[in-house]
Amino acid sequence: MVGLNLDPSHLIWMGADPIAVARALGPAIHHVHGKDVRLERGVVEVNGLLETRPIDDVAGRAWNYVAVGCGRDLQWWKAFFSVVRMVGYNDWVSLEMEDLTMSVDAGITTSVQALQQSLSQ
């Protein structure tokens, strides 16, 4: 058996649509990350999505990992999790905190609150 990890943040910065990918993968999804990314306005339009700057150069990068809900809004996350569940995944969502614009505690709190509001019970 082969299963896939669906990490929406990587798909977003590569220009893919995580919701469309979830539909295409369906039952092959065996793990899901709660991880967001923000495309930085004014930078991504000039530099594109292929980022070569260091991860800690948050002001100069075209995209940055951010707490859940700080890249895509909660309506997007609700749609994402609705489709993930619709195609058969109803298991753990692993939070991966890599937001360098806030403290670890603030990023975890922000992400957990966003995930709680986005996941149907």
PDB file of N, CA and C in Angstrom:
ATOM      1  N   MET A   1       0.849  -1.172   0.000  1.00  0.00           N
ATOM      2  CA  MET A   1       0.000   0.000   0.000  1.00  0.00           C
ATOM      3  C   MET A   1       0.898   1.240   0.000  1.00  0.00           C
ATOM      4  N   VAL A   2       0.552   2.184  -0.817  1.00  0.00           N
ATOM      5  CA  VAL A   2       1.276   3.448  -0.885  1.00  0.00           C
ATOM      6  C   VAL A   2       0.281   4.564  -0.584  1.00  0.00           C
ATOM      7  N   GLY A   3       0.663   5.441   0.324  1.00  0.00           N
ATOM      8  CA  GLY A   3      -0.179   6.578   0.657  1.00  0.00           C
ATOM      9  C   GLY A   3       0.616   7.858   0.554  1.00  0.00           C
ATOM     10  N   LEU A   4      -0.084   8.954   0.399  1.00  0.00           N
ATOM     11  CA  LEU A   4       0.561  10.248   0.196  1.00  0.00           C
ATOM     12  C   LEU A   4       0.287  11.207   1.342  1.00  0.00           C
ATOM     13  N   ASN A   5       1.227  12.120   1.556  1.00  0.00           N
ATOM     14  CA  ASN A   5       1.079  13.210   2.501  1.00  0.00           C
ATOM     15  C   ASN A   5       0.621  14.440   1.716  1.00  0.00           C
ATOM     16  N   LEU A   6      -0.521  14.971   2.062  1.00  0.00           N
ATOM     17  CA  LEU A   6      -1.041  16.158   1.389  1.00  0.00           C
ATOM     18  C   LEU A   6      -0.689  17.390   2.229  1.00  0.00           C
ATOM     19  N   ASP A   7       0.267  18.175   1.739  1.00  0.00           N
ATOM     20  CA  ASP A   7       0.706  19.399   2.408  1.00  0.00           C
ATOM     21  C   ASP A   7       0.315  20.570   1.512  1.00  0.00           C
ATOM     22  N   PRO A   8      -0.784  21.265   1.847  1.00  0.00           N
ATOM     23  CA  PRO A   8      -1.259  22.334   0.959  1.00  0.00           C
ATOM     24  C   PRO A   8      -0.263  23.467   0.772  1.00  0.00           C
ATOM     25  N   SER A   9       0.583  23.734   1.769  1.00  0.00           N
ATOM     26  CA  SER A   9       1.504  24.869   1.651  1.00  0.00           C
ATOM     27  C   SER A   9       2.473  24.702   0.487  1.00  0.00           C
ATOM     28  N   HIS A  10       2.992  23.511   0.307  1.00  0.00           N
ATOM     29  CA  HIS A  10       3.935  23.286  -0.785  1.00  0.00           C
ATOM     30  C   HIS A  10       3.252  23.426  -2.142  1.00  0.00           C
ATOM     31  N   LEU A  11       2.042  22.935  -2.223  1.00  0.00           N
ATOM     32  CA  LEU A  11       1.305  23.042  -3.483  1.00  0.00           C
ATOM     33  C   LEU A  11       1.018  24.500  -3.832  1.00  0.00           C
ATOM     34  N   ILE A  12       0.678  25.300  -2.824  1.00  0.00           N
ATOM     35  CA  ILE A  12       0.361  26.713  -3.066  1.00  0.00           C
ATOM     36  C   ILE A  12       1.573  27.447  -3.606  1.00  0.00           C
ATOM     37  N   TRP A  13       2.745  27.291  -2.952  1.00  0.00           N
ATOM     38  CA  TRP A  13       3.899  28.060  -3.434  1.00  0.00           C
ATOM     39  C   TRP A  13       4.409  27.550  -4.770  1.00  0.00           C
ATOM     40  N   MET A  14       4.010  26.343  -5.159  1.00  0.00           N
ATOM     41  CA  MET A  14       4.386  25.851  -6.485  1.00  0.00           C
ATOM     42  C   MET A  14       3.358  26.232  -7.545  1.00  0.00           C
ATOM     43  N   GLY A  15       2.272  26.900  -7.138  1.00  0.00           N
ATOM     44  CA  GLY A  15       1.265  27.361  -8.083  1.00  0.00           C
ATOM     45  C   GLY A  15       0.161  26.363  -8.353  1.00  0.00           C
ATOM     46  N   ALA A  16       0.102  25.279  -7.576  1.00  0.00           N
ATOM     47  CA  ALA A  16      -0.951  24.278  -7.752  1.00  0.00           C
ATOM     48  C   ALA A  16      -2.137  24.608  -6.845  1.00  0.00           C
ATOM     49  N   ASP A  17      -3.245  23.946  -7.077  1.00  0.00           N
ATOM     50  CA  ASP A  17      -4.462  24.131  -6.289  1.00  0.00           C
ATOM     51  C   ASP A  17      -4.644  22.923  -5.377  1.00  0.00           C
ATOM     52  N   PRO A  18      -4.403  23.063  -4.068  1.00  0.00           N
ATOM     53  CA  PRO A  18      -4.505  21.922  -3.160  1.00  0.00           C
ATOM     54  C   PRO A  18      -5.881  21.252  -3.146  1.00  0.00           C
ATOM     55  N   ILE A  19      -6.937  22.016  -3.393  1.00  0.00           N
ATOM     56  CA  ILE A  19      -8.275  21.422  -3.403  1.00  0.00           C
ATOM     57  C   ILE A  19      -8.428  20.518  -4.624  1.00  0.00           C
ATOM     58  N   ALA A  20      -7.961  20.971  -5.773  1.00  0.00           N
ATOM     59  CA  ALA A  20      -7.994  20.127  -6.974  1.00  0.00           C
ATOM     60  C   ALA A  20      -7.105  18.903  -6.800  1.00  0.00           C
ATOM     61  N   VAL A  21      -5.955  19.074  -6.161  1.00  0.00           N
ATOM     62  CA  VAL A  21      -5.052  17.943  -5.911  1.00  0.00           C
ATOM     63  C   VAL A  21      -5.713  16.931  -4.992  1.00  0.00           C
ATOM     64  N   ALA A  22      -6.397  17.406  -3.942  1.00  0.00           N
ATOM     65  CA  ALA A  22      -7.105  16.486  -3.041  1.00  0.00           C
ATOM     66  C   ALA A  22      -8.140  15.675  -3.797  1.00  0.00           C
ATOM     67  N   ARG A  23      -8.871  16.318  -4.673  1.00  0.00           N
ATOM     68  CA  ARG A  23      -9.862  15.589  -5.482  1.00  0.00           C
ATOM     69  C   ARG A  23      -9.185  14.523  -6.346  1.00  0.00           C
ATOM     70  N   ALA A  24      -8.047  14.870  -6.924  1.00  0.00           N
ATOM     71  CA  ALA A  24      -7.349  13.935  -7.815  1.00  0.00           C
ATOM     72  C   ALA A  24      -6.734  12.768  -7.037  1.00  0.00           C
ATOM     73  N   LEU A  25      -6.241  13.023  -5.838  1.00  0.00           N
ATOM     74  CA  LEU A  25      -5.591  11.963  -5.053  1.00  0.00           C
ATOM     75  C   LEU A  25      -6.588  11.042  -4.364  1.00  0.00           C
ATOM     76  N   GLY A  26      -7.704  11.607  -3.930  1.00  0.00           N
ATOM     77  CA  GLY A  26      -8.754  10.812  -3.293  1.00  0.00           C
ATOM     78  C   GLY A  26      -8.253   9.892  -2.202  1.00  0.00           C
ATOM     79  N   PRO A  27      -8.530   8.592  -2.318  1.00  0.00           N
ATOM     80  CA  PRO A  27      -8.185   7.650  -1.249  1.00  0.00           C
ATOM     81  C   PRO A  27      -6.683   7.418  -1.073  1.00  0.00           C
ATOM     82  N   ALA A  28      -5.862   7.960  -1.938  1.00  0.00           N
ATOM     83  CA  ALA A  28      -4.415   7.828  -1.770  1.00  0.00           C
ATOM     84  C   ALA A  28      -3.885   8.751  -0.672  1.00  0.00           C
ATOM     85  N   ILE A  29      -4.729   9.683  -0.170  1.00  0.00           N
ATOM     86  CA  ILE A  29      -4.314  10.584   0.903  1.00  0.00           C
ATOM     87  C   ILE A  29      -4.298   9.804   2.213  1.00  0.00           C
ATOM     88  N   HIS A  30      -3.112   9.738   2.832  1.00  0.00           N
ATOM     89  CA  HIS A  30      -2.969   9.027   4.100  1.00  0.00           C
ATOM     90  C   HIS A  30      -2.503   9.936   5.233  1.00  0.00           C
ATOM     91  N   HIS A  31      -2.239  11.198   4.922  1.00  0.00           N
ATOM     92  CA  HIS A  31      -1.739  12.131   5.927  1.00  0.00           C
ATOM     93  C   HIS A  31      -1.990  13.542   5.397  1.00  0.00           C
ATOM     94  N   VAL A  32      -2.391  14.454   6.268  1.00  0.00           N
ATOM     95  CA  VAL A  32      -2.662  15.839   5.854  1.00  0.00           C
ATOM     96  C   VAL A  32      -1.970  16.797   6.821  1.00  0.00           C
ATOM     97  N   HIS A  33      -1.346  17.815   6.266  1.00  0.00           N
ATOM     98  CA  HIS A  33      -0.713  18.854   7.076  1.00  0.00           C
ATOM     99  C   HIS A  33      -1.624  20.070   7.171  1.00  0.00           C
ATOM    100  N   GLY A  34      -1.627  20.680   8.338  1.00  0.00           N
ATOM    101  CA  GLY A  34      -2.218  21.992   8.518  1.00  0.00           C
ATOM    102  C   GLY A  34      -1.070  22.983   8.437  1.00  0.00           C
ATOM    103  N   LYS A  35      -0.785  23.459   7.261  1.00  0.00           N
ATOM    104  CA  LYS A  35       0.359  24.336   7.053  1.00  0.00           C
ATOM    105  C   LYS A  35       0.009  25.320   5.942  1.00  0.00           C
ATOM    106  N   ASP A  36       0.226  26.585   6.213  1.00  0.00           N
ATOM    107  CA  ASP A  36      -0.201  27.634   5.289  1.00  0.00           C
ATOM    108  C   ASP A  36       1.017  28.365   4.725  1.00  0.00           C
ATOM    109  N   VAL A  37       0.805  29.057   3.637  1.00  0.00           N
ATOM    110  CA  VAL A  37       1.842  29.865   3.012  1.00  0.00           C
ATOM    111  C   VAL A  37       1.183  31.145   2.500  1.00  0.00           C
ATOM    112  N   ARG A  38       1.924  32.237   2.557  1.00  0.00           N
ATOM    113  CA  ARG A  38       1.414  33.503   2.037  1.00  0.00           C
ATOM    114  C   ARG A  38       2.289  33.919   0.870  1.00  0.00           C
ATOM    115  N   LEU A  39       1.649  34.177  -0.265  1.00  0.00           N
ATOM    116  CA  LEU A  39       2.353  34.760  -1.403  1.00  0.00           C
ATOM    117  C   LEU A  39       2.448  36.259  -1.128  1.00  0.00           C
ATOM    118  N   GLU A  40       3.663  36.783  -1.128  1.00  0.00           N
ATOM    119  CA  GLU A  40       3.890  38.162  -0.716  1.00  0.00           C
ATOM    120  C   GLU A  40       3.652  39.134  -1.866  1.00  0.00           C
ATOM    121  N   ARG A  41       2.563  39.897  -1.743  1.00  0.00           N
ATOM    122  CA  ARG A  41       2.185  40.872  -2.772  1.00  0.00           C
ATOM    123  C   ARG A  41       3.305  41.870  -3.006  1.00  0.00           C
ATOM    124  N   GLY A  42       3.525  42.181  -4.244  1.00  0.00           N
ATOM    125  CA  GLY A  42       4.565  43.127  -4.606  1.00  0.00           C
ATOM    126  C   GLY A  42       5.912  42.470  -4.836  1.00  0.00           C
ATOM    127  N   VAL A  43       6.091  41.281  -4.298  1.00  0.00           N
ATOM    128  CA  VAL A  43       7.338  40.547  -4.506  1.00  0.00           C
ATOM    129  C   VAL A  43       7.096  39.394  -5.478  1.00  0.00           C
ATOM    130  N   VAL A  44       6.056  38.616  -5.229  1.00  0.00           N
ATOM    131  CA  VAL A  44       5.803  37.453  -6.078  1.00  0.00           C
ATOM    132  C   VAL A  44       5.489  37.866  -7.520  1.00  0.00           C
ATOM    133  N   GLU A  45       4.848  39.017  -7.693  1.00  0.00           N
ATOM    134  CA  GLU A  45       4.514  39.475  -9.050  1.00  0.00           C
ATOM    135  C   GLU A  45       5.763  39.848  -9.844  1.00  0.00           C
ATOM    136  N   VAL A  46       6.824  40.228  -9.144  1.00  0.00           N
ATOM    137  CA  VAL A  46       8.076  40.600  -9.790  1.00  0.00           C
ATOM    138  C   VAL A  46       9.016  39.404  -9.905  1.00  0.00           C
ATOM    139  N   ASN A  47       9.155  38.645  -8.826  1.00  0.00           N
ATOM    140  CA  ASN A  47      10.142  37.558  -8.767  1.00  0.00           C
ATOM    141  C   ASN A  47       9.612  36.186  -9.150  1.00  0.00           C
ATOM    142  N   GLY A  48       8.300  36.016  -9.169  1.00  0.00           N
ATOM    143  CA  GLY A  48       7.727  34.705  -9.442  1.00  0.00           C
ATOM    144  C   GLY A  48       7.762  33.817  -8.204  1.00  0.00           C
ATOM    145  N   LEU A  49       7.365  32.573  -8.374  1.00  0.00           N
ATOM    146  CA  LEU A  49       7.219  31.649  -7.250  1.00  0.00           C
ATOM    147  C   LEU A  49       8.481  30.868  -6.907  1.00  0.00           C
ATOM    148  N   LEU A  50       9.418  30.783  -7.828  1.00  0.00           N
ATOM    149  CA  LEU A  50      10.639  30.021  -7.567  1.00  0.00           C
ATOM    150  C   LEU A  50      11.539  30.849  -6.659  1.00  0.00           C
ATOM    151  N   GLU A  51      11.515  30.530  -5.367  1.00  0.00           N
ATOM    152  CA  GLU A  51      12.195  31.342  -4.364  1.00  0.00           C
ATOM    153  C   GLU A  51      13.577  30.786  -4.057  1.00  0.00           C
ATOM    154  N   THR A  52      14.586  31.667  -4.108  1.00  0.00           N
ATOM    155  CA  THR A  52      15.958  31.245  -3.820  1.00  0.00           C
ATOM    156  C   THR A  52      16.545  31.952  -2.604  1.00  0.00           C
ATOM    157  N   ARG A  53      15.804  32.851  -2.001  1.00  0.00           N
ATOM    158  CA  ARG A  53      16.309  33.577  -0.821  1.00  0.00           C
ATOM    159  C   ARG A  53      16.208  32.695   0.415  1.00  0.00           C
ATOM    160  N   PRO A  54      17.049  32.949   1.401  1.00  0.00           N
ATOM    161  CA  PRO A  54      17.003  32.164   2.637  1.00  0.00           C
ATOM    162  C   PRO A  54      15.630  32.245   3.309  1.00  0.00           C
ATOM    163  N   ILE A  55      15.238  31.180   3.973  1.00  0.00           N
ATOM    164  CA  ILE A  55      13.924  31.095   4.615  1.00  0.00           C
ATOM    165  C   ILE A  55      13.725  32.197   5.658  1.00  0.00           C
ATOM    166  N   ASP A  56      14.821  32.697   6.257  1.00  0.00           N
ATOM    167  CA  ASP A  56      14.678  33.728   7.283  1.00  0.00           C
ATOM    168  C   ASP A  56      14.681  35.157   6.711  1.00  0.00           C
ATOM    169  N   ASP A  57      14.765  35.302   5.393  1.00  0.00           N
ATOM    170  CA  ASP A  57      14.655  36.617   4.737  1.00  0.00           C
ATOM    171  C   ASP A  57      13.184  36.882   4.417  1.00  0.00           C
ATOM    172  N   VAL A  58      12.343  36.886   5.464  1.00  0.00           N
ATOM    173  CA  VAL A  58      10.894  36.953   5.261  1.00  0.00           C
ATOM    174  C   VAL A  58      10.446  38.212   4.532  1.00  0.00           C
ATOM    175  N   ALA A  59      11.147  39.324   4.715  1.00  0.00           N
ATOM    176  CA  ALA A  59      10.757  40.571   4.051  1.00  0.00           C
ATOM    177  C   ALA A  59      11.084  40.565   2.562  1.00  0.00           C
ATOM    178  N   GLY A  60      12.057  39.768   2.149  1.00  0.00           N
ATOM    179  CA  GLY A  60      12.480  39.779   0.758  1.00  0.00           C
ATOM    180  C   GLY A  60      11.977  38.617  -0.075  1.00  0.00           C
ATOM    181  N   ARG A  61      11.339  37.652   0.565  1.00  0.00           N
ATOM    182  CA  ARG A  61      10.903  36.448  -0.149  1.00  0.00           C
ATOM    183  C   ARG A  61       9.585  36.660  -0.895  1.00  0.00           C
ATOM    184  N   ALA A  62       9.386  35.889  -1.943  1.00  0.00           N
ATOM    185  CA  ALA A  62       8.139  35.936  -2.708  1.00  0.00           C
ATOM    186  C   ALA A  62       7.009  35.215  -1.976  1.00  0.00           C
ATOM    187  N   TRP A  63       7.362  34.276  -1.133  1.00  0.00           N
ATOM    188  CA  TRP A  63       6.360  33.563  -0.327  1.00  0.00           C
ATOM    189  C   TRP A  63       7.000  33.159   0.997  1.00  0.00           C
ATOM    190  N   ASN A  64       6.137  33.029   2.015  1.00  0.00           N
ATOM    191  CA  ASN A  64       6.588  32.630   3.346  1.00  0.00           C
ATOM    192  C   ASN A  64       5.593  31.646   3.949  1.00  0.00           C
ATOM    193  N   TYR A  65       6.126  30.686   4.698  1.00  0.00           N
ATOM    194  CA  TYR A  65       5.259  29.837   5.506  1.00  0.00           C
ATOM    195  C   TYR A  65       4.687  30.700   6.620  1.00  0.00           C
ATOM    196  N   VAL A  66       3.389  30.570   6.871  1.00  0.00           N
ATOM    197  CA  VAL A  66       2.726  31.351   7.910  1.00  0.00           C
ATOM    198  C   VAL A  66       1.780  30.457   8.698  1.00  0.00           C
ATOM    199  N   ALA A  67       1.329  30.944   9.849  1.00  0.00           N
ATOM    200  CA  ALA A  67       0.353  30.209  10.650  1.00  0.00           C
ATOM    201  C   ALA A  67      -0.904  29.982   9.810  1.00  0.00           C
ATOM    202  N   VAL A  68      -1.596  28.889  10.093  1.00  0.00           N
ATOM    203  CA  VAL A  68      -2.827  28.570   9.360  1.00  0.00           C
ATOM    204  C   VAL A  68      -3.806  29.732   9.504  1.00  0.00           C
ATOM    205  N   GLY A  69      -4.353  30.170   8.375  1.00  0.00           N
ATOM    206  CA  GLY A  69      -5.288  31.288   8.334  1.00  0.00           C
ATOM    207  C   GLY A  69      -4.639  32.621   8.034  1.00  0.00           C
ATOM    208  N   CYS A  70      -3.310  32.656   8.020  1.00  0.00           N
ATOM    209  CA  CYS A  70      -2.589  33.911   7.728  1.00  0.00           C
ATOM    210  C   CYS A  70      -2.141  33.982   6.268  1.00  0.00           C
ATOM    211  N   GLY A  71      -2.406  32.947   5.509  1.00  0.00           N
ATOM    212  CA  GLY A  71      -2.129  32.924   4.075  1.00  0.00           C
ATOM    213  C   GLY A  71      -3.455  32.834   3.334  1.00  0.00           C
ATOM    214  N   ARG A  72      -4.095  31.700   3.468  1.00  0.00           N
ATOM    215  CA  ARG A  72      -5.450  31.486   2.939  1.00  0.00           C
ATOM    216  C   ARG A  72      -6.436  31.760   4.070  1.00  0.00           C
ATOM    217  N   ASP A  73      -7.593  32.331   3.729  1.00  0.00           N
ATOM    218  CA  ASP A  73      -8.567  32.631   4.779  1.00  0.00           C
ATOM    219  C   ASP A  73      -9.300  31.364   5.240  1.00  0.00           C
ATOM    220  N   LEU A  74     -10.058  31.495   6.313  1.00  0.00           N
ATOM    221  CA  LEU A  74     -10.722  30.327   6.900  1.00  0.00           C
ATOM    222  C   LEU A  74     -11.747  29.703   5.962  1.00  0.00           C
ATOM    223  N   GLN A  75     -12.360  30.500   5.107  1.00  0.00           N
ATOM    224  CA  GLN A  75     -13.304  29.931   4.147  1.00  0.00           C
ATOM    225  C   GLN A  75     -12.584  28.965   3.204  1.00  0.00           C
ATOM    226  N   TRP A  76     -11.381  29.338   2.783  1.00  0.00           N
ATOM    227  CA  TRP A  76     -10.592  28.440   1.934  1.00  0.00           C
ATOM    228  C   TRP A  76     -10.274  27.160   2.690  1.00  0.00           C
ATOM    229  N   TRP A  77      -9.842  27.275   3.950  1.00  0.00           N
ATOM    230  CA  TRP A  77      -9.502  26.088   4.739  1.00  0.00           C
ATOM    231  C   TRP A  77     -10.713  25.196   4.958  1.00  0.00           C
ATOM    232  N   LYS A  78     -11.889  25.791   5.158  1.00  0.00           N
ATOM    233  CA  LYS A  78     -13.114  24.985   5.313  1.00  0.00           C
ATOM    234  C   LYS A  78     -13.382  24.199   4.037  1.00  0.00           C
ATOM    235  N   ALA A  79     -13.230  24.847   2.892  1.00  0.00           N
ATOM    236  CA  ALA A  79     -13.441  24.151   1.611  1.00  0.00           C
ATOM    237  C   ALA A  79     -12.409  23.044   1.431  1.00  0.00           C
ATOM    238  N   PHE A  80     -11.156  23.313   1.751  1.00  0.00           N
ATOM    239  CA  PHE A  80     -10.093  22.314   1.632  1.00  0.00           C
ATOM    240  C   PHE A  80     -10.416  21.076   2.471  1.00  0.00           C
ATOM    241  N   PHE A  81     -10.720  21.271   3.756  1.00  0.00           N
ATOM    242  CA  PHE A  81     -10.993  20.125   4.614  1.00  0.00           C
ATOM    243  C   PHE A  81     -12.290  19.425   4.241  1.00  0.00           C
ATOM    244  N   SER A  82     -13.251  20.155   3.724  1.00  0.00           N
ATOM    245  CA  SER A  82     -14.485  19.533   3.265  1.00  0.00           C
ATOM    246  C   SER A  82     -14.208  18.573   2.105  1.00  0.00           C
ATOM    247  N   VAL A  83     -13.385  18.995   1.163  1.00  0.00           N
ATOM    248  CA  VAL A  83     -13.041  18.137   0.028  1.00  0.00           C
ATOM    249  C   VAL A  83     -12.174  16.962   0.484  1.00  0.00           C
ATOM    250  N   VAL A  84     -11.218  17.216   1.368  1.00  0.00           N
ATOM    251  CA  VAL A  84     -10.362  16.136   1.877  1.00  0.00           C
ATOM    252  C   VAL A  84     -11.225  15.058   2.534  1.00  0.00           C
ATOM    253  N   ARG A  85     -12.194  15.478   3.322  1.00  0.00           N
ATOM    254  CA  ARG A  85     -13.090  14.511   3.967  1.00  0.00           C
ATOM    255  C   ARG A  85     -13.976  13.826   2.928  1.00  0.00           C
ATOM    256  N   MET A  86     -14.462  14.589   1.960  1.00  0.00           N
ATOM    257  CA  MET A  86     -15.339  14.039   0.927  1.00  0.00           C
ATOM    258  C   MET A  86     -14.664  12.912   0.145  1.00  0.00           C
ATOM    259  N   VAL A  87     -13.339  13.038  -0.078  1.00  0.00           N
ATOM    260  CA  VAL A  87     -12.636  12.006  -0.844  1.00  0.00           C
ATOM    261  C   VAL A  87     -12.150  10.857   0.026  1.00  0.00           C
ATOM    262  N   GLY A  88     -12.482  10.896   1.330  1.00  0.00           N
ATOM    263  CA  GLY A  88     -12.240   9.736   2.170  1.00  0.00           C
ATOM    264  C   GLY A  88     -11.264   9.879   3.320  1.00  0.00           C
ATOM    265  N   TYR A  89     -10.609  11.029   3.447  1.00  0.00           N
ATOM    266  CA  TYR A  89      -9.668  11.184   4.559  1.00  0.00           C
ATOM    267  C   TYR A  89     -10.388  11.806   5.746  1.00  0.00           C
ATOM    268  N   ASN A  90     -10.384  11.101   6.868  1.00  0.00           N
ATOM    269  CA  ASN A  90     -11.010  11.600   8.086  1.00  0.00           C
ATOM    270  C   ASN A  90     -10.141  11.193   9.268  1.00  0.00           C
ATOM    271  N   ASP A  91      -8.921  11.710   9.279  1.00  0.00           N
ATOM    272  CA  ASP A  91      -7.961  11.321  10.296  1.00  0.00           C
ATOM    273  C   ASP A  91      -7.236  12.567  10.784  1.00  0.00           C
ATOM    274  N   TRP A  92      -6.074  12.405  11.374  1.00  0.00           N
ATOM    275  CA  TRP A  92      -5.308  13.477  11.974  1.00  0.00           C
ATOM    276  C   TRP A  92      -4.899  14.542  10.957  1.00  0.00           C
ATOM    277  N   VAL A  93      -4.832  15.777  11.423  1.00  0.00           N
ATOM    278  CA  VAL A  93      -4.221  16.879  10.685  1.00  0.00           C
ATOM    279  C   VAL A  93      -3.006  17.289  11.498  1.00  0.00           C
ATOM    280  N   SER A  94      -1.844  17.179  10.905  1.00  0.00           N
ATOM    281  CA  SER A  94      -0.598  17.495  11.603  1.00  0.00           C
ATOM    282  C   SER A  94      -0.220  18.952  11.382  1.00  0.00           C
ATOM    283  N   LEU A  95      -0.093  19.674  12.474  1.00  0.00           N
ATOM    284  CA  LEU A  95       0.283  21.076  12.416  1.00  0.00           C
ATOM    285  C   LEU A  95       1.798  21.179  12.283  1.00  0.00           C
ATOM    286  N   GLU A  96       2.226  21.948  11.304  1.00  0.00           N
ATOM    287  CA  GLU A  96       3.649  22.200  11.116  1.00  0.00           C
ATOM    288  C   GLU A  96       3.844  23.710  11.195  1.00  0.00           C
ATOM    289  N   MET A  97       4.509  24.178  12.232  1.00  0.00           N
ATOM    290  CA  MET A  97       4.659  25.614  12.485  1.00  0.00           C
ATOM    291  C   MET A  97       6.015  26.097  11.996  1.00  0.00           C
ATOM    292  N   GLU A  98       6.007  26.878  10.907  1.00  0.00           N
ATOM    293  CA  GLU A  98       7.242  27.438  10.361  1.00  0.00           C
ATOM    294  C   GLU A  98       7.117  28.932  10.107  1.00  0.00           C
ATOM    295  N   ASP A  99       6.178  29.595  10.783  1.00  0.00           N
ATOM    296  CA  ASP A  99       5.961  31.024  10.592  1.00  0.00           C
ATOM    297  C   ASP A  99       7.028  31.808  11.355  1.00  0.00           C
ATOM    298  N   LEU A 100       7.921  32.460  10.630  1.00  0.00           N
ATOM    299  CA  LEU A 100       8.993  33.237  11.250  1.00  0.00           C
ATOM    300  C   LEU A 100       8.588  34.676  11.534  1.00  0.00           C
ATOM    301  N   THR A 101       7.316  35.024  11.271  1.00  0.00           N
ATOM    302  CA  THR A 101       6.843  36.381  11.535  1.00  0.00           C
ATOM    303  C   THR A 101       6.224  36.512  12.920  1.00  0.00           C
ATOM    304  N   MET A 102       6.153  35.405  13.678  1.00  0.00           N
ATOM    305  CA  MET A 102       5.595  35.448  15.028  1.00  0.00           C
ATOM    306  C   MET A 102       6.281  34.399  15.890  1.00  0.00           C
ATOM    307  N   SER A 103       6.057  34.483  17.181  1.00  0.00           N
ATOM    308  CA  SER A 103       6.655  33.504  18.082  1.00  0.00           C
ATOM    309  C   SER A 103       6.052  32.121  17.822  1.00  0.00           C
ATOM    310  N   VAL A 104       6.764  31.102  18.243  1.00  0.00           N
ATOM    311  CA  VAL A 104       6.265  29.732  18.081  1.00  0.00           C
ATOM    312  C   VAL A 104       4.932  29.576  18.799  1.00  0.00           C
ATOM    313  N   ASP A 105       4.837  30.069  20.036  1.00  0.00           N
ATOM    314  CA  ASP A 105       3.590  29.945  20.792  1.00  0.00           C
ATOM    315  C   ASP A 105       2.432  30.645  20.090  1.00  0.00           C
ATOM    316  N   ALA A 106       2.672  31.852  19.589  1.00  0.00           N
ATOM    317  CA  ALA A 106       1.618  32.591  18.889  1.00  0.00           C
ATOM    318  C   ALA A 106       1.221  31.877  17.606  1.00  0.00           C
ATOM    319  N   GLY A 107       2.197  31.343  16.889  1.00  0.00           N
ATOM    320  CA  GLY A 107       1.893  30.624  15.652  1.00  0.00           C
ATOM    321  C   GLY A 107       1.096  29.362  15.892  1.00  0.00           C
ATOM    322  N   ILE A 108       1.450  28.630  16.937  1.00  0.00           N
ATOM    323  CA  ILE A 108       0.700  27.412  17.261  1.00  0.00           C
ATOM    324  C   ILE A 108      -0.720  27.770  17.685  1.00  0.00           C
ATOM    325  N   THR A 109      -0.859  28.770  18.558  1.00  0.00           N
ATOM    326  CA  THR A 109      -2.191  29.183  19.007  1.00  0.00           C
ATOM    327  C   THR A 109      -3.048  29.639  17.832  1.00  0.00           C
ATOM    328  N   THR A 110      -2.487  30.483  16.982  1.00  0.00           N
ATOM    329  CA  THR A 110      -3.210  30.979  15.804  1.00  0.00           C
ATOM    330  C   THR A 110      -3.640  29.823  14.904  1.00  0.00           C
ATOM    331  N   SER A 111      -2.722  28.902  14.649  1.00  0.00           N
ATOM    332  CA  SER A 111      -3.011  27.773  13.759  1.00  0.00           C
ATOM    333  C   SER A 111      -4.055  26.840  14.347  1.00  0.00           C
ATOM    334  N   VAL A 112      -3.928  26.521  15.624  1.00  0.00           N
ATOM    335  CA  VAL A 112      -4.895  25.624  16.270  1.00  0.00           C
ATOM    336  C   VAL A 112      -6.285  26.241  16.237  1.00  0.00           C
ATOM    337  N   GLN A 113      -6.394  27.517  16.551  1.00  0.00           N
ATOM    338  CA  GLN A 113      -7.696  28.184  16.514  1.00  0.00           C
ATOM    339  C   GLN A 113      -8.288  28.160  15.104  1.00  0.00           C
ATOM    340  N   ALA A 114      -7.463  28.426  14.106  1.00  0.00           N
ATOM    341  CA  ALA A 114      -7.938  28.400  12.718  1.00  0.00           C
ATOM    342  C   ALA A 114      -8.372  26.991  12.316  1.00  0.00           C
ATOM    343  N   LEU A 115      -7.588  25.995  12.695  1.00  0.00           N
ATOM    344  CA  LEU A 115      -7.944  24.614  12.350  1.00  0.00           C
ATOM    345  C   LEU A 115      -9.239  24.199  13.057  1.00  0.00           C
ATOM    346  N   GLN A 116      -9.410  24.580  14.313  1.00  0.00           N
ATOM    347  CA  GLN A 116     -10.640  24.246  15.032  1.00  0.00           C
ATOM    348  C   GLN A 116     -11.854  24.855  14.364  1.00  0.00           C
ATOM    349  N   GLN A 117     -11.713  26.055  13.817  1.00  0.00           N
ATOM    350  CA  GLN A 117     -12.823  26.708  13.135  1.00  0.00           C
ATOM    351  C   GLN A 117     -13.070  26.147  11.735  1.00  0.00           C
ATOM    352  N   SER A 118     -12.058  25.498  11.176  1.00  0.00           N
ATOM    353  CA  SER A 118     -12.144  25.024   9.788  1.00  0.00           C
ATOM    354  C   SER A 118     -12.564  23.567   9.657  1.00  0.00           C
ATOM    355  N   LEU A 119     -12.267  22.769  10.653  1.00  0.00           N
ATOM    356  CA  LEU A 119     -12.551  21.347  10.588  1.00  0.00           C
ATOM    357  C   LEU A 119     -13.977  21.061  11.057  1.00  0.00           C
ATOM    358  N   SER A 120     -14.731  20.327  10.263  1.00  0.00           N
ATOM    359  CA  SER A 120     -16.072  19.946  10.685  1.00  0.00           C
ATOM    360  C   SER A 120     -15.956  18.815  11.698  1.00  0.00           C
ATOM    361  N   GLN A 121     -16.856  18.809  12.630  1.00  0.00           N
ATOM    362  CA  GLN A 121     -16.819  17.794  13.706  1.00  0.00           C
ATOM    363  C   GLN A 121     -17.527  16.522  13.298  1.00  0.00           C
TER     364      GLN A 121
END
